PDB file of all heavy atoms in Angstrom:
ATOM      1  N   GLU A   1       7.920  -8.161  17.254  1.00  0.00           N
ATOM      2  CA  GLU A   1       7.712  -8.195  15.816  1.00  0.00           C
ATOM      3  C   GLU A   1       6.903  -6.980  15.386  1.00  0.00           C
ATOM      4  O   GLU A   1       6.127  -6.431  16.175  1.00  0.00           O
ATOM      5  CB  GLU A   1       6.992  -9.475  15.401  1.00  0.00           C
ATOM      6  CG  GLU A   1       5.613  -9.635  16.020  1.00  0.00           C
ATOM      7  CD  GLU A   1       4.947 -10.936  15.631  1.00  0.00           C
ATOM      8  OE1 GLU A   1       5.670 -11.847  15.168  1.00  0.00           O
ATOM      9  OE2 GLU A   1       3.721 -11.031  15.771  1.00  0.00           O
ATOM     10  N   VAL A   2       7.113  -6.583  14.155  1.00  0.00           N
ATOM     11  CA  VAL A   2       6.304  -5.499  13.625  1.00  0.00           C
ATOM     12  C   VAL A   2       4.987  -6.070  13.115  1.00  0.00           C
ATOM     13  O   VAL A   2       4.912  -7.233  12.724  1.00  0.00           O
ATOM     14  CB  VAL A   2       7.035  -4.752  12.491  1.00  0.00           C
ATOM     15  CG1 VAL A   2       8.291  -4.093  13.010  1.00  0.00           C
ATOM     16  CG2 VAL A   2       7.360  -5.689  11.331  1.00  0.00           C
ATOM     17  N   THR A   3       3.952  -5.271  13.145  1.00  0.00           N
ATOM     18  CA  THR A   3       2.650  -5.684  12.615  1.00  0.00           C
ATOM     19  C   THR A   3       2.148  -4.613  11.657  1.00  0.00           C
ATOM     20  O   THR A   3       2.420  -3.423  11.833  1.00  0.00           O
ATOM     21  CB  THR A   3       1.630  -5.884  13.740  1.00  0.00           C
ATOM     22  OG1 THR A   3       1.499  -4.664  14.486  1.00  0.00           O
ATOM     23  CG2 THR A   3       2.049  -7.007  14.672  1.00  0.00           C
ATOM     24  N   THR A   4       1.420  -5.048  10.652  1.00  0.00           N
ATOM     25  CA  THR A   4       0.896  -4.151   9.628  1.00  0.00           C
ATOM     26  C   THR A   4      -0.526  -4.569   9.316  1.00  0.00           C
ATOM     27  O   THR A   4      -0.799  -5.763   9.115  1.00  0.00           O
ATOM     28  CB  THR A   4       1.751  -4.225   8.342  1.00  0.00           C
ATOM     29  OG1 THR A   4       3.134  -4.069   8.691  1.00  0.00           O
ATOM     30  CG2 THR A   4       1.339  -3.157   7.350  1.00  0.00           C
ATOM     31  N   ASP A   5      -1.428  -3.614   9.283  1.00  0.00           N
ATOM     32  CA  ASP A   5      -2.827  -3.944   8.984  1.00  0.00           C
ATOM     33  C   ASP A   5      -3.031  -4.251   7.505  1.00  0.00           C
ATOM     34  O   ASP A   5      -3.673  -5.238   7.153  1.00  0.00           O
ATOM     35  CB  ASP A   5      -3.738  -2.794   9.416  1.00  0.00           C
ATOM     36  CG  ASP A   5      -3.655  -2.516  10.907  1.00  0.00           C
ATOM     37  OD1 ASP A   5      -3.612  -3.500  11.685  1.00  0.00           O
ATOM     38  OD2 ASP A   5      -3.618  -1.344  11.305  1.00  0.00           O
ATOM     39  N   TYR A   6      -2.494  -3.393   6.647  1.00  0.00           N
ATOM     40  CA  TYR A   6      -2.702  -3.553   5.200  1.00  0.00           C
ATOM     41  C   TYR A   6      -1.408  -3.290   4.441  1.00  0.00           C
ATOM     42  O   TYR A   6      -0.645  -2.381   4.781  1.00  0.00           O
ATOM     43  CB  TYR A   6      -3.747  -2.551   4.682  1.00  0.00           C
ATOM     44  CG  TYR A   6      -5.137  -2.745   5.244  1.00  0.00           C
ATOM     45  CD1 TYR A   6      -5.532  -2.073   6.397  1.00  0.00           C
ATOM     46  CD2 TYR A   6      -6.059  -3.580   4.619  1.00  0.00           C
ATOM     47  CE1 TYR A   6      -6.804  -2.244   6.914  1.00  0.00           C
ATOM     48  CE2 TYR A   6      -7.340  -3.753   5.130  1.00  0.00           C
ATOM     49  CZ  TYR A   6      -7.705  -3.082   6.273  1.00  0.00           C
ATOM     50  OH  TYR A   6      -8.965  -3.259   6.788  1.00  0.00           O
ATOM     51  N   TYR A   7      -1.203  -4.080   3.383  1.00  0.00           N
ATOM     52  CA  TYR A   7      -0.211  -3.737   2.381  1.00  0.00           C
ATOM     53  C   TYR A   7      -0.952  -3.568   1.070  1.00  0.00           C
ATOM     54  O   TYR A   7      -1.666  -4.481   0.617  1.00  0.00           O
ATOM     55  CB  TYR A   7       0.870  -4.808   2.236  1.00  0.00           C
ATOM     56  CG  TYR A   7       1.935  -4.411   1.232  1.00  0.00           C
ATOM     57  CD1 TYR A   7       2.984  -3.599   1.620  1.00  0.00           C
ATOM     58  CD2 TYR A   7       1.849  -4.803  -0.106  1.00  0.00           C
ATOM     59  CE1 TYR A   7       3.943  -3.181   0.707  1.00  0.00           C
ATOM     60  CE2 TYR A   7       2.803  -4.397  -1.022  1.00  0.00           C
ATOM     61  CZ  TYR A   7       3.844  -3.585  -0.616  1.00  0.00           C
ATOM     62  OH  TYR A   7       4.779  -3.160  -1.519  1.00  0.00           O
ATOM     63  N   VAL A   8      -0.823  -2.397   0.452  1.00  0.00           N
ATOM     64  CA  VAL A   8      -1.486  -2.116  -0.819  1.00  0.00           C
ATOM     65  C   VAL A   8      -0.474  -2.376  -1.933  1.00  0.00           C
ATOM     66  O   VAL A   8       0.494  -1.627  -2.105  1.00  0.00           O
ATOM     67  CB  VAL A   8      -2.009  -0.660  -0.863  1.00  0.00           C
ATOM     68  CG1 VAL A   8      -2.699  -0.393  -2.202  1.00  0.00           C
ATOM     69  CG2 VAL A   8      -2.978  -0.414   0.296  1.00  0.00           C
ATOM     70  N   LEU A   9      -0.683  -3.462  -2.641  1.00  0.00           N
ATOM     71  CA  LEU A   9       0.265  -3.959  -3.629  1.00  0.00           C
ATOM     72  C   LEU A   9      -0.091  -3.391  -5.008  1.00  0.00           C
ATOM     73  O   LEU A   9      -1.241  -3.480  -5.452  1.00  0.00           O
ATOM     74  CB  LEU A   9       0.237  -5.488  -3.641  1.00  0.00           C
ATOM     75  CG  LEU A   9       1.293  -6.245  -4.427  1.00  0.00           C
ATOM     76  CD1 LEU A   9       1.498  -7.632  -3.812  1.00  0.00           C
ATOM     77  CD2 LEU A   9       0.924  -6.395  -5.906  1.00  0.00           C
ATOM     78  N   GLN A  10       0.897  -2.825  -5.683  1.00  0.00           N
ATOM     79  CA  GLN A  10       0.663  -2.200  -6.986  1.00  0.00           C
ATOM     80  C   GLN A  10       1.219  -3.078  -8.112  1.00  0.00           C
ATOM     81  O   GLN A  10       2.344  -3.564  -8.026  1.00  0.00           O
ATOM     82  CB  GLN A  10       1.345  -0.835  -7.049  1.00  0.00           C
ATOM     83  CG  GLN A  10       0.917   0.129  -5.954  1.00  0.00           C
ATOM     84  CD  GLN A  10       1.755   1.390  -5.960  1.00  0.00           C
ATOM     85  OE1 GLN A  10       1.989   1.990  -7.018  1.00  0.00           O
ATOM     86  NE2 GLN A  10       2.211   1.801  -4.780  1.00  0.00           N
ATOM     87  N   VAL A  11       0.421  -3.252  -9.163  1.00  0.00           N
ATOM     88  CA  VAL A  11       0.860  -3.969 -10.358  1.00  0.00           C
ATOM     89  C   VAL A  11       0.606  -3.061 -11.558  1.00  0.00           C
ATOM     90  O   VAL A  11      -0.550  -2.735 -11.864  1.00  0.00           O
ATOM     91  CB  VAL A  11       0.114  -5.298 -10.543  1.00  0.00           C
ATOM     92  CG1 VAL A  11       0.657  -6.044 -11.766  1.00  0.00           C
ATOM     93  CG2 VAL A  11       0.234  -6.172  -9.293  1.00  0.00           C
ATOM     94  N   GLY A  12       1.688  -2.610 -12.193  1.00  0.00           N
ATOM     95  CA  GLY A  12       1.530  -1.721 -13.334  1.00  0.00           C
ATOM     96  C   GLY A  12       1.350  -0.271 -12.894  1.00  0.00           C
ATOM     97  O   GLY A  12       1.710   0.126 -11.777  1.00  0.00           O
ATOM     98  N   GLU A  13       0.761   0.521 -13.774  1.00  0.00           N
ATOM     99  CA  GLU A  13       0.593   1.959 -13.526  1.00  0.00           C
ATOM    100  C   GLU A  13      -0.684   2.203 -12.718  1.00  0.00           C
ATOM    101  O   GLU A  13      -1.708   2.664 -13.253  1.00  0.00           O
ATOM    102  CB  GLU A  13       0.544   2.707 -14.866  1.00  0.00           C
ATOM    103  CG  GLU A  13       1.802   2.566 -15.713  1.00  0.00           C
ATOM    104  CD  GLU A  13       3.022   3.111 -14.985  1.00  0.00           C
ATOM    105  OE1 GLU A  13       2.905   4.175 -14.334  1.00  0.00           O
ATOM    106  OE2 GLU A  13       4.094   2.485 -15.057  1.00  0.00           O
ATOM    107  N   THR A  14      -0.630   1.868 -11.455  1.00  0.00           N
ATOM    108  CA  THR A  14      -1.827   1.967 -10.598  1.00  0.00           C
ATOM    109  C   THR A  14      -1.587   2.838  -9.377  1.00  0.00           C
ATOM    110  O   THR A  14      -2.333   2.765  -8.397  1.00  0.00           O
ATOM    111  CB  THR A  14      -2.275   0.555 -10.156  1.00  0.00           C
ATOM    112  OG1 THR A  14      -1.227  -0.044  -9.372  1.00  0.00           O
ATOM    113  CG2 THR A  14      -2.605  -0.335 -11.350  1.00  0.00           C
ATOM    114  N   ARG A  15      -0.542   3.642  -9.413  1.00  0.00           N
ATOM    115  CA  ARG A  15      -0.162   4.409  -8.216  1.00  0.00           C
ATOM    116  C   ARG A  15      -1.301   5.280  -7.699  1.00  0.00           C
ATOM    117  O   ARG A  15      -1.539   5.358  -6.492  1.00  0.00           O
ATOM    118  CB  ARG A  15       1.058   5.270  -8.501  1.00  0.00           C
ATOM    119  CG  ARG A  15       1.588   6.013  -7.256  1.00  0.00           C
ATOM    120  CD  ARG A  15       2.758   6.891  -7.600  1.00  0.00           C
ATOM    121  NE  ARG A  15       2.359   7.994  -8.461  1.00  0.00           N
ATOM    122  CZ  ARG A  15       3.225   8.818  -9.063  1.00  0.00           C
ATOM    123  NH1 ARG A  15       4.533   8.614  -8.921  1.00  0.00           N
ATOM    124  NH2 ARG A  15       2.792   9.809  -9.819  1.00  0.00           N
ATOM    125  N   SER A  16      -2.015   5.968  -8.589  1.00  0.00           N
ATOM    126  CA  SER A  16      -3.056   6.900  -8.165  1.00  0.00           C
ATOM    127  C   SER A  16      -4.140   6.198  -7.359  1.00  0.00           C
ATOM    128  O   SER A  16      -4.531   6.654  -6.280  1.00  0.00           O
ATOM    129  CB  SER A  16      -3.669   7.597  -9.387  1.00  0.00           C
ATOM    130  OG  SER A  16      -4.710   8.463  -8.987  1.00  0.00           O
ATOM    131  N   GLU A  17      -4.637   5.055  -7.844  1.00  0.00           N
ATOM    132  CA  GLU A  17      -5.694   4.340  -7.133  1.00  0.00           C
ATOM    133  C   GLU A  17      -5.158   3.689  -5.862  1.00  0.00           C
ATOM    134  O   GLU A  17      -5.826   3.673  -4.823  1.00  0.00           O
ATOM    135  CB  GLU A  17      -6.313   3.278  -8.050  1.00  0.00           C
ATOM    136  CG  GLU A  17      -7.591   2.666  -7.516  1.00  0.00           C
ATOM    137  CD  GLU A  17      -8.677   3.712  -7.281  1.00  0.00           C
ATOM    138  OE1 GLU A  17      -8.806   4.655  -8.090  1.00  0.00           O
ATOM    139  OE2 GLU A  17      -9.396   3.584  -6.263  1.00  0.00           O
ATOM    140  N   ALA A  18      -3.926   3.166  -5.928  1.00  0.00           N
ATOM    141  CA  ALA A  18      -3.319   2.575  -4.734  1.00  0.00           C
ATOM    142  C   ALA A  18      -3.150   3.621  -3.646  1.00  0.00           C
ATOM    143  O   ALA A  18      -3.372   3.351  -2.457  1.00  0.00           O
ATOM    144  CB  ALA A  18      -1.976   1.941  -5.083  1.00  0.00           C
ATOM    145  N   ALA A  19      -2.757   4.836  -4.037  1.00  0.00           N
ATOM    146  CA  ALA A  19      -2.591   5.907  -3.064  1.00  0.00           C
ATOM    147  C   ALA A  19      -3.926   6.296  -2.445  1.00  0.00           C
ATOM    148  O   ALA A  19      -4.004   6.587  -1.240  1.00  0.00           O
ATOM    149  CB  ALA A  19      -1.943   7.117  -3.727  1.00  0.00           C
ATOM    150  N   ARG A  20      -4.994   6.334  -3.263  1.00  0.00           N
ATOM    151  CA  ARG A  20      -6.323   6.658  -2.722  1.00  0.00           C
ATOM    152  C   ARG A  20      -6.732   5.657  -1.657  1.00  0.00           C
ATOM    153  O   ARG A  20      -7.196   6.022  -0.565  1.00  0.00           O
ATOM    154  CB  ARG A  20      -7.369   6.678  -3.835  1.00  0.00           C
ATOM    155  CG  ARG A  20      -8.793   6.968  -3.308  1.00  0.00           C
ATOM    156  CD  ARG A  20      -9.865   6.614  -4.317  1.00  0.00           C
ATOM    157  NE  ARG A  20     -10.004   5.190  -4.558  1.00  0.00           N
ATOM    158  CZ  ARG A  20     -10.650   4.347  -3.737  1.00  0.00           C
ATOM    159  NH1 ARG A  20     -11.192   4.790  -2.598  1.00  0.00           N
ATOM    160  NH2 ARG A  20     -10.753   3.066  -4.046  1.00  0.00           N
ATOM    161  N   ILE A  21      -6.551   4.368  -1.947  1.00  0.00           N
ATOM    162  CA  ILE A  21      -6.926   3.311  -1.003  1.00  0.00           C
ATOM    163  C   ILE A  21      -6.067   3.400   0.258  1.00  0.00           C
ATOM    164  O   ILE A  21      -6.563   3.294   1.385  1.00  0.00           O
ATOM    165  CB  ILE A  21      -6.799   1.931  -1.673  1.00  0.00           C
ATOM    166  CG1 ILE A  21      -7.873   1.776  -2.760  1.00  0.00           C
ATOM    167  CG2 ILE A  21      -6.903   0.818  -0.636  1.00  0.00           C
ATOM    168  CD1 ILE A  21      -7.690   0.543  -3.626  1.00  0.00           C
ATOM    169  N   SER A  22      -4.774   3.645   0.086  1.00  0.00           N
ATOM    170  CA  SER A  22      -3.869   3.758   1.248  1.00  0.00           C
ATOM    171  C   SER A  22      -4.301   4.899   2.147  1.00  0.00           C
ATOM    172  O   SER A  22      -4.344   4.755   3.388  1.00  0.00           O
ATOM    173  CB  SER A  22      -2.427   3.968   0.780  1.00  0.00           C
ATOM    174  OG  SER A  22      -1.968   2.859   0.030  1.00  0.00           O
ATOM    175  N   ARG A  23      -4.601   6.056   1.546  1.00  0.00           N
ATOM    176  CA  ARG A  23      -5.012   7.211   2.346  1.00  0.00           C
ATOM    177  C   ARG A  23      -6.311   6.938   3.084  1.00  0.00           C
ATOM    178  O   ARG A  23      -6.465   7.295   4.268  1.00  0.00           O
ATOM    179  CB  ARG A  23      -5.170   8.457   1.459  1.00  0.00           C
ATOM    180  CG  ARG A  23      -3.858   8.985   0.906  1.00  0.00           C
ATOM    181  CD  ARG A  23      -4.007  10.429   0.404  1.00  0.00           C
ATOM    182  NE  ARG A  23      -5.135  10.571  -0.499  1.00  0.00           N
ATOM    183  CZ  ARG A  23      -5.079  10.399  -1.814  1.00  0.00           C
ATOM    184  NH1 ARG A  23      -3.929  10.039  -2.379  1.00  0.00           N
ATOM    185  NH2 ARG A  23      -6.144  10.577  -2.569  1.00  0.00           N
ATOM    186  N   ALA A  24      -7.253   6.296   2.402  1.00  0.00           N
ATOM    187  CA  ALA A  24      -8.547   6.008   3.027  1.00  0.00           C
ATOM    188  C   ALA A  24      -8.386   5.079   4.227  1.00  0.00           C
ATOM    189  O   ALA A  24      -9.048   5.255   5.262  1.00  0.00           O
ATOM    190  CB  ALA A  24      -9.504   5.404   2.006  1.00  0.00           C
ATOM    191  N   LEU A  25      -7.520   4.097   4.100  1.00  0.00           N
ATOM    192  CA  LEU A  25      -7.296   3.169   5.209  1.00  0.00           C
ATOM    193  C   LEU A  25      -6.556   3.847   6.357  1.00  0.00           C
ATOM    194  O   LEU A  25      -6.847   3.615   7.530  1.00  0.00           O
ATOM    195  CB  LEU A  25      -6.521   1.943   4.722  1.00  0.00           C
ATOM    196  CG  LEU A  25      -7.285   1.002   3.769  1.00  0.00           C
ATOM    197  CD1 LEU A  25      -6.344  -0.014   3.157  1.00  0.00           C
ATOM    198  CD2 LEU A  25      -8.436   0.301   4.491  1.00  0.00           C
ATOM    199  N   ARG A  26      -5.593   4.700   6.019  1.00  0.00           N
ATOM    200  CA  ARG A  26      -4.870   5.424   7.073  1.00  0.00           C
ATOM    201  C   ARG A  26      -5.789   6.398   7.795  1.00  0.00           C
ATOM    202  O   ARG A  26      -5.644   6.624   9.005  1.00  0.00           O
ATOM    203  CB  ARG A  26      -3.672   6.164   6.472  1.00  0.00           C
ATOM    204  CG  ARG A  26      -2.550   5.236   6.033  1.00  0.00           C
ATOM    205  CD  ARG A  26      -1.376   5.995   5.459  1.00  0.00           C
ATOM    206  NE  ARG A  26      -0.371   5.069   4.937  1.00  0.00           N
ATOM    207  CZ  ARG A  26       0.172   5.158   3.737  1.00  0.00           C
ATOM    208  NH1 ARG A  26      -0.183   6.148   2.919  1.00  0.00           N
ATOM    209  NH2 ARG A  26       1.075   4.279   3.334  1.00  0.00           N
ATOM    210  N   ASP A  27      -6.734   6.982   7.062  1.00  0.00           N
ATOM    211  CA  ASP A  27      -7.692   7.881   7.699  1.00  0.00           C
ATOM    212  C   ASP A  27      -8.510   7.179   8.773  1.00  0.00           C
ATOM    213  O   ASP A  27      -9.009   7.813   9.703  1.00  0.00           O
ATOM    214  CB  ASP A  27      -8.645   8.483   6.657  1.00  0.00           C
ATOM    215  CG  ASP A  27      -7.983   9.546   5.801  1.00  0.00           C
ATOM    216  OD1 ASP A  27      -6.893  10.016   6.190  1.00  0.00           O
ATOM    217  OD2 ASP A  27      -8.544   9.892   4.736  1.00  0.00           O
ATOM    218  N   ARG A  28      -8.624   5.854   8.655  1.00  0.00           N
ATOM    219  CA  ARG A  28      -9.348   5.064   9.654  1.00  0.00           C
ATOM    220  C   ARG A  28      -8.434   4.620  10.797  1.00  0.00           C
ATOM    221  O   ARG A  28      -8.849   3.879  11.672  1.00  0.00           O
ATOM    222  CB  ARG A  28      -9.991   3.847   8.983  1.00  0.00           C
ATOM    223  CG  ARG A  28     -11.162   4.204   8.066  1.00  0.00           C
ATOM    224  CD  ARG A  28     -11.431   3.080   7.064  1.00  0.00           C
ATOM    225  NE  ARG A  28     -12.681   3.278   6.348  1.00  0.00           N
ATOM    226  CZ  ARG A  28     -12.868   4.136   5.340  1.00  0.00           C
ATOM    227  NH1 ARG A  28     -11.868   4.898   4.951  1.00  0.00           N
ATOM    228  NH2 ARG A  28     -14.039   4.221   4.729  1.00  0.00           N
ATOM    229  N   GLY A  29      -7.183   5.059  10.769  1.00  0.00           N
ATOM    230  CA  GLY A  29      -6.258   4.775  11.866  1.00  0.00           C
ATOM    231  C   GLY A  29      -5.459   3.504  11.715  1.00  0.00           C
ATOM    232  O   GLY A  29      -4.839   3.039  12.687  1.00  0.00           O
ATOM    233  N   HIS A  30      -5.423   2.914  10.517  1.00  0.00           N
ATOM    234  CA  HIS A  30      -4.715   1.658  10.315  1.00  0.00           C
ATOM    235  C   HIS A  30      -3.268   1.880   9.885  1.00  0.00           C
ATOM    236  O   HIS A  30      -2.918   2.925   9.323  1.00  0.00           O
ATOM    237  CB  HIS A  30      -5.437   0.815   9.253  1.00  0.00           C
ATOM    238  CG  HIS A  30      -6.863   0.539   9.589  1.00  0.00           C
ATOM    239  ND1 HIS A  30      -7.258   0.031  10.811  1.00  0.00           N
ATOM    240  CD2 HIS A  30      -8.017   0.729   8.875  1.00  0.00           C
ATOM    241  CE1 HIS A  30      -8.569  -0.098  10.837  1.00  0.00           C
ATOM    242  NE2 HIS A  30      -9.055   0.328   9.673  1.00  0.00           N
ATOM    243  N   VAL A  31      -2.439   0.854  10.126  1.00  0.00           N
ATOM    244  CA  VAL A  31      -1.055   0.853   9.661  1.00  0.00           C
ATOM    245  C   VAL A  31      -1.053   0.308   8.239  1.00  0.00           C
ATOM    246  O   VAL A  31      -1.449  -0.846   8.002  1.00  0.00           O
ATOM    247  CB  VAL A  31      -0.163  -0.008  10.573  1.00  0.00           C
ATOM    248  CG1 VAL A  31       1.267  -0.048  10.043  1.00  0.00           C
ATOM    249  CG2 VAL A  31      -0.189   0.527  12.000  1.00  0.00           C
ATOM    250  N   VAL A  32      -0.628   1.133   7.294  1.00  0.00           N
ATOM    251  CA  VAL A  32      -0.722   0.786   5.872  1.00  0.00           C
ATOM    252  C   VAL A  32       0.618   1.063   5.198  1.00  0.00           C
ATOM    253  O   VAL A  32       1.193   2.137   5.351  1.00  0.00           O
ATOM    254  CB  VAL A  32      -1.827   1.612   5.172  1.00  0.00           C
ATOM    255  CG1 VAL A  32      -1.971   1.168   3.710  1.00  0.00           C
ATOM    256  CG2 VAL A  32      -3.151   1.482   5.907  1.00  0.00           C
ATOM    257  N   GLU A  33       1.101   0.083   4.442  1.00  0.00           N
ATOM    258  CA  GLU A  33       2.270   0.297   3.599  1.00  0.00           C
ATOM    259  C   GLU A  33       1.899   0.027   2.151  1.00  0.00           C
ATOM    260  O   GLU A  33       0.980  -0.756   1.855  1.00  0.00           O
ATOM    261  CB  GLU A  33       3.430  -0.614   4.013  1.00  0.00           C
ATOM    262  CG  GLU A  33       4.136  -0.184   5.287  1.00  0.00           C
ATOM    263  CD  GLU A  33       5.550  -0.740   5.361  1.00  0.00           C
ATOM    264  OE1 GLU A  33       6.303  -0.568   4.362  1.00  0.00           O
ATOM    265  OE2 GLU A  33       5.895  -1.325   6.398  1.00  0.00           O
ATOM    266  N   THR A  34       2.646   0.662   1.269  1.00  0.00           N
ATOM    267  CA  THR A  34       2.505   0.398  -0.153  1.00  0.00           C
ATOM    268  C   THR A  34       3.882   0.486  -0.788  1.00  0.00           C
ATOM    269  O   THR A  34       4.852   0.892  -0.138  1.00  0.00           O
ATOM    270  CB  THR A  34       1.514   1.375  -0.802  1.00  0.00           C
ATOM    271  OG1 THR A  34       1.223   0.953  -2.145  1.00  0.00           O
ATOM    272  CG2 THR A  34       2.053   2.798  -0.816  1.00  0.00           C
ATOM    273  N   ASP A  35       3.996   0.103  -2.042  1.00  0.00           N
ATOM    274  CA  ASP A  35       5.315   0.007  -2.666  1.00  0.00           C
ATOM    275  C   ASP A  35       5.901   1.382  -2.947  1.00  0.00           C
ATOM    276  O   ASP A  35       5.239   2.249  -3.519  1.00  0.00           O
ATOM    277  CB  ASP A  35       5.206  -0.780  -3.974  1.00  0.00           C
ATOM    278  CG  ASP A  35       6.560  -1.006  -4.611  1.00  0.00           C
ATOM    279  OD1 ASP A  35       7.486  -1.401  -3.880  1.00  0.00           O
ATOM    280  OD2 ASP A  35       6.691  -0.772  -5.831  1.00  0.00           O
ATOM    281  N   VAL A  36       7.151   1.584  -2.525  1.00  0.00           N
ATOM    282  CA  VAL A  36       7.871   2.821  -2.837  1.00  0.00           C
ATOM    283  C   VAL A  36       9.215   2.509  -3.492  1.00  0.00           C
ATOM    284  O   VAL A  36      10.063   3.382  -3.615  1.00  0.00           O
ATOM    285  CB  VAL A  36       8.097   3.675  -1.561  1.00  0.00           C
ATOM    286  CG1 VAL A  36       6.783   4.171  -1.005  1.00  0.00           C
ATOM    287  CG2 VAL A  36       8.881   2.894  -0.507  1.00  0.00           C
ATOM    288  N   ALA A  37       9.397   1.240  -3.919  1.00  0.00           N
ATOM    289  CA  ALA A  37      10.699   0.829  -4.447  1.00  0.00           C
ATOM    290  C   ALA A  37      10.607   0.219  -5.842  1.00  0.00           C
ATOM    291  O   ALA A  37      11.607  -0.312  -6.343  1.00  0.00           O
ATOM    292  CB  ALA A  37      11.354  -0.170  -3.486  1.00  0.00           C
ATOM    293  N   GLY A  38       9.433   0.245  -6.467  1.00  0.00           N
ATOM    294  CA  GLY A  38       9.298  -0.262  -7.829  1.00  0.00           C
ATOM    295  C   GLY A  38       9.551  -1.755  -7.946  1.00  0.00           C
ATOM    296  O   GLY A  38      10.139  -2.225  -8.924  1.00  0.00           O
ATOM    297  N   ARG A  39       9.098  -2.521  -6.972  1.00  0.00           N
ATOM    298  CA  ARG A  39       9.376  -3.960  -6.952  1.00  0.00           C
ATOM    299  C   ARG A  39       8.341  -4.764  -7.735  1.00  0.00           C
ATOM    300  O   ARG A  39       7.226  -4.304  -7.990  1.00  0.00           O
ATOM    301  CB  ARG A  39       9.441  -4.456  -5.502  1.00  0.00           C
ATOM    302  CG  ARG A  39      10.659  -3.953  -4.750  1.00  0.00           C
ATOM    303  CD  ARG A  39      10.594  -4.253  -3.272  1.00  0.00           C
ATOM    304  NE  ARG A  39       9.492  -3.530  -2.633  1.00  0.00           N
ATOM    305  CZ  ARG A  39       9.352  -3.421  -1.327  1.00  0.00           C
ATOM    306  NH1 ARG A  39      10.229  -4.001  -0.513  1.00  0.00           N
ATOM    307  NH2 ARG A  39       8.348  -2.736  -0.822  1.00  0.00           N
ATOM    308  N   SER A  40       8.712  -6.000  -8.032  1.00  0.00           N
ATOM    309  CA  SER A  40       7.823  -6.895  -8.756  1.00  0.00           C
ATOM    310  C   SER A  40       6.686  -7.373  -7.854  1.00  0.00           C
ATOM    311  O   SER A  40       6.730  -7.185  -6.628  1.00  0.00           O
ATOM    312  CB  SER A  40       8.607  -8.120  -9.251  1.00  0.00           C
ATOM    313  OG  SER A  40       9.037  -8.909  -8.133  1.00  0.00           O
ATOM    314  N   PHE A  41       5.704  -8.028  -8.443  1.00  0.00           N
ATOM    315  CA  PHE A  41       4.572  -8.569  -7.687  1.00  0.00           C
ATOM    316  C   PHE A  41       5.071  -9.509  -6.586  1.00  0.00           C
ATOM    317  O   PHE A  41       4.692  -9.380  -5.412  1.00  0.00           O
ATOM    318  CB  PHE A  41       3.626  -9.311  -8.637  1.00  0.00           C
ATOM    319  CG  PHE A  41       2.447  -9.956  -7.945  1.00  0.00           C
ATOM    320  CD1 PHE A  41       1.247  -9.284  -7.816  1.00  0.00           C
ATOM    321  CD2 PHE A  41       2.545 -11.244  -7.426  1.00  0.00           C
ATOM    322  CE1 PHE A  41       0.152  -9.881  -7.177  1.00  0.00           C
ATOM    323  CE2 PHE A  41       1.467 -11.844  -6.779  1.00  0.00           C
ATOM    324  CZ  PHE A  41       0.273 -11.152  -6.662  1.00  0.00           C
ATOM    325  N   GLY A  42       5.943 -10.450  -6.965  1.00  0.00           N
ATOM    326  CA  GLY A  42       6.428 -11.423  -5.994  1.00  0.00           C
ATOM    327  C   GLY A  42       7.240 -10.780  -4.885  1.00  0.00           C
ATOM    328  O   GLY A  42       7.113 -11.152  -3.706  1.00  0.00           O
ATOM    329  N   ALA A  43       8.063  -9.803  -5.222  1.00  0.00           N
ATOM    330  CA  ALA A  43       8.877  -9.125  -4.207  1.00  0.00           C
ATOM    331  C   ALA A  43       7.995  -8.344  -3.238  1.00  0.00           C
ATOM    332  O   ALA A  43       8.267  -8.301  -2.030  1.00  0.00           O
ATOM    333  CB  ALA A  43       9.880  -8.204  -4.879  1.00  0.00           C
TER     334      ALA A  43
END
């Protein structure tokens, strides 16, 4: 199975802050994903 440390979920126009958090977590060596498909909160 795949494992992921963090998923940074974006709601609305929050890409800039979500990207900052994602980069900071990746800098610590974690596996981090965030939305790149414009999906809804539930998706």
